[in-house]
Amino acid sequence: MNAVDQHGHRRVQAFVEQAKAGGGFVSYYFDKPCHGVEPKLGYVELIPGTDILVGTAVYIDDIEAERDVLAAKISAQHQRFNITIGSIFIVILGVTLTLTLLISNRIAKSIRKTATQMHEASTQVASAARHVSSQATPWHRAPASRRRRSRKHFVAQRSSRNDAPQYEKCG
């Protein structure tokens, strides 16, 4: 019970005190086969109604080695997760861009079609205007007799059937 480890800790006495206090952890040093003296963490409790202690312990370097293995596994899973999320993002981005291009091309095609139709219509209107202009005689070039007649183009006449004015061409 008075055994002392290399760092001056009385491990058996610490076990008994911790067990009588309701159980708990005890840190100490112990000889690990093939490795020399290593730190160890133990847990101890008193069996109720007896003076018997029950405990277990583990070498700290084993915990650290297991922690390193778990950290490597977590890192690998994290990397796979990032690759998966990145892949999903790229697929969504690709689908979004494809749909955007398809929709914008349809809209542009519709706009081009409308613009072409408007251009064709304006060309036809311009052609018709040129044709009408070429057929008409400008006012200042018209003979004086035609200009006079044009000024009094229509005369209102009363119809015998109703009182609304009827217009007829002066000749």
Protein backbone atom coordinates (compact mmCIF):
# COMPACT_ATOMS: atom_id res chain seq x y z
CA MET A 1 0.00 0.00 0.00
CA ASN A 2 2.96 2.29 0.41
CA ALA A 3 4.32 1.51 -3.08
CA VAL A 4 5.63 4.67 -4.73
CA ASP A 5 6.04 5.15 -8.50
CA GLN A 6 9.01 6.96 -10.09
CA HIS A 7 7.33 10.34 -9.62
CA GLY A 8 6.59 9.84 -5.91
CA HIS A 9 2.88 8.97 -6.25
CA ARG A 10 1.49 6.33 -3.87
CA ARG A 11 -0.91 4.67 -6.35
CA VAL A 12 -2.46 2.03 -4.04
CA GLN A 13 -3.15 4.60 -1.33
CA ALA A 14 -4.67 6.91 -4.03
CA PHE A 15 -6.91 4.02 -5.20
CA VAL A 16 -8.23 3.37 -1.67
CA GLU A 17 -8.87 7.08 -0.98
CA GLN A 18 -10.65 7.59 -4.31
CA ALA A 19 -12.79 4.44 -3.85
CA LYS A 20 -13.81 5.46 -0.30
CA ALA A 21 -14.73 8.93 -1.65
CA GLY A 22 -17.32 7.31 -3.98
CA GLY A 23 -15.05 6.33 -6.84
CA GLY A 24 -13.01 8.28 -9.36
CA PHE A 25 -9.91 8.62 -11.49
CA VAL A 26 -6.30 8.22 -10.37
CA SER A 27 -3.23 9.18 -12.46
CA TYR A 28 0.03 7.34 -11.87
CA TYR A 29 3.06 5.79 -13.63
CA PHE A 30 3.49 2.09 -14.23
CA ASP A 31 5.85 -0.23 -16.11
CA LYS A 32 4.43 -0.98 -19.59
CA PRO A 33 5.80 -4.21 -21.10
CA CYS A 34 8.40 -3.52 -23.80
CA HIS A 35 8.06 0.27 -23.36
CA GLY A 36 9.30 1.11 -19.87
CA VAL A 37 7.49 3.29 -17.36
CA GLU A 38 4.51 5.13 -18.90
CA PRO A 39 1.73 7.33 -17.50
CA LYS A 40 -1.50 5.50 -16.75
CA LEU A 41 -5.04 6.59 -15.86
CA GLY A 42 -7.17 4.37 -13.65
CA TYR A 43 -10.72 4.42 -12.35
CA VAL A 44 -11.62 2.78 -9.06
CA GLU A 45 -14.78 2.20 -6.98
CA LEU A 46 -15.61 0.43 -3.73
CA ILE A 47 -18.06 -2.49 -3.94
CA PRO A 48 -20.90 -1.42 -1.59
CA GLY A 49 -20.97 -3.28 1.74
CA THR A 50 -17.40 -4.59 1.36
CA ASP A 51 -13.79 -3.44 1.57
CA ILE A 52 -13.12 -4.66 -1.99
CA LEU A 53 -12.02 -2.22 -4.68
CA VAL A 54 -12.80 -2.68 -8.38
CA GLY A 55 -10.85 -0.72 -10.90
CA THR A 56 -9.50 -0.51 -14.39
CA ALA A 57 -6.71 1.47 -16.02
CA VAL A 58 -5.32 2.38 -19.41
CA TYR A 59 -1.96 3.66 -20.58
CA ILE A 60 -2.15 7.27 -21.74
CA ASP A 61 -0.04 6.57 -24.84
CA ASP A 62 -2.64 3.95 -25.92
CA ILE A 63 -5.34 6.62 -25.61
CA GLU A 64 -3.21 9.05 -27.63
CA ALA A 65 -2.57 6.41 -30.31
CA GLU A 66 -6.32 5.66 -30.52
CA ARG A 67 -7.04 9.39 -30.63
CA ASP A 68 -4.62 9.75 -33.55
CA VAL A 69 -6.32 6.87 -35.40
CA LEU A 70 -9.73 8.42 -34.83
CA ALA A 71 -8.45 11.85 -35.90
CA ALA A 72 -7.16 10.31 -39.15
CA LYS A 73 -10.53 8.63 -39.76
CA ILE A 74 -12.38 11.87 -39.06
CA SER A 75 -10.04 13.76 -41.37
CA ALA A 76 -10.60 11.22 -44.16
CA GLN A 77 -14.38 11.42 -43.67
CA HIS A 78 -14.19 15.21 -43.65
CA GLN A 79 -12.23 15.14 -46.91
CA ARG A 80 -14.79 12.77 -48.51
CA PHE A 81 -17.60 15.00 -47.25
CA ASN A 82 -15.94 18.08 -48.78
CA ILE A 83 -15.44 16.28 -52.08
CA THR A 84 -19.07 15.16 -52.06
CA ILE A 85 -20.35 18.64 -51.25
CA GLY A 86 -18.04 20.13 -53.89
CA SER A 87 -19.27 17.63 -56.48
CA ILE A 88 -22.90 18.37 -55.64
CA PHE A 89 -22.20 22.09 -55.90
CA ILE A 90 -20.54 21.65 -59.31
CA VAL A 91 -23.46 19.54 -60.58
CA ILE A 92 -26.01 22.11 -59.35
CA LEU A 93 -23.95 24.92 -60.84
CA GLY A 94 -23.70 23.07 -64.16
CA VAL A 95 -27.44 22.40 -64.28
CA THR A 96 -28.19 26.00 -63.36
CA LEU A 97 -25.83 27.37 -66.01
CA THR A 98 -27.22 24.99 -68.64
CA LEU A 99 -30.80 25.99 -67.86
CA THR A 100 -29.83 29.66 -67.80
CA LEU A 101 -28.20 29.38 -71.21
CA LEU A 102 -31.15 27.47 -72.68
CA ILE A 103 -33.68 29.97 -71.35
CA SER A 104 -31.62 33.01 -72.36
CA ASN A 105 -31.11 31.55 -75.87
CA ARG A 106 -34.87 31.05 -76.25
CA ILE A 107 -35.52 34.59 -75.07
CA ALA A 108 -32.83 35.97 -77.39
CA LYS A 109 -34.23 33.94 -80.30
CA SER A 110 -37.70 35.33 -79.62
CA ILE A 111 -36.32 38.88 -79.42
CA ARG A 112 -34.36 38.39 -82.68
CA LYS A 113 -37.49 37.04 -84.40
CA THR A 114 -39.55 40.00 -83.19
CA ALA A 115 -36.83 42.45 -84.23
CA THR A 116 -36.63 40.82 -87.68
CA GLN A 117 -40.40 41.02 -88.09
CA MET A 118 -40.38 44.66 -87.01
CA HIS A 119 -37.56 45.41 -89.45
CA GLU A 120 -39.44 43.68 -92.27
CA ALA A 121 -42.63 45.59 -91.39
CA SER A 122 -40.79 48.91 -91.26
CA THR A 123 -39.16 48.12 -94.61
CA GLN A 124 -42.59 47.43 -96.11
CA VAL A 125 -43.99 50.65 -94.61
CA ALA A 126 -41.02 52.61 -95.97
CA SER A 127 -41.43 51.00 -99.38
CA ALA A 128 -45.15 51.81 -99.40
CA ALA A 129 -44.40 55.39 -98.32
CA ARG A 130 -41.87 55.76 -101.16
CA HIS A 131 -44.41 54.35 -103.61
CA VAL A 132 -47.16 56.73 -102.40
CA SER A 133 -44.71 59.65 -102.48
CA SER A 134 -43.62 58.83 -106.01
CA GLN A 135 -47.28 58.71 -107.17
CA ALA A 136 -48.31 61.97 -105.49
CA THR A 137 -47.53 65.36 -106.91
CA PRO A 138 -46.11 67.78 -104.40
CA TRP A 139 -48.46 70.67 -103.55
CA HIS A 140 -46.15 73.38 -104.80
CA ARG A 141 -45.77 71.60 -108.19
CA ALA A 142 -49.48 70.99 -108.78
CA PRO A 143 -51.21 73.10 -111.44
CA ALA A 144 -53.07 76.11 -110.07
CA SER A 145 -56.44 74.75 -111.19
CA ARG A 146 -55.85 71.58 -109.21
CA ARG A 147 -54.76 73.57 -106.16
CA ARG A 148 -57.96 75.65 -106.24
CA ARG A 149 -60.13 72.62 -106.59
CA SER A 150 -58.30 70.89 -103.77
CA ARG A 151 -58.98 73.75 -101.39
CA LYS A 152 -62.72 73.30 -101.80
CA HIS A 153 -62.57 69.57 -101.92
CA PHE A 154 -65.95 68.66 -100.42
CA VAL A 155 -69.22 70.50 -100.06
CA ALA A 156 -71.92 69.63 -97.58
CA GLN A 157 -75.32 68.91 -99.14
CA ARG A 158 -78.54 68.21 -97.30
CA SER A 159 -80.17 64.96 -98.18
CA SER A 160 -83.90 64.93 -98.70
CA ARG A 161 -84.19 61.75 -96.64
CA ASN A 162 -82.48 62.99 -93.45
CA ASP A 163 -81.01 66.16 -92.05
CA ALA A 164 -77.47 64.84 -91.69
CA PRO A 165 -75.07 66.51 -94.08
CA GLN A 166 -73.96 64.42 -97.05
CA TYR A 167 -70.59 65.10 -98.56
CA GLU A 168 -69.97 64.88 -102.23
CA LYS A 169 -66.91 65.66 -104.28
CA CYS A 170 -66.91 69.03 -106.04
CA GLY A 171 -66.15 68.79 -109.67
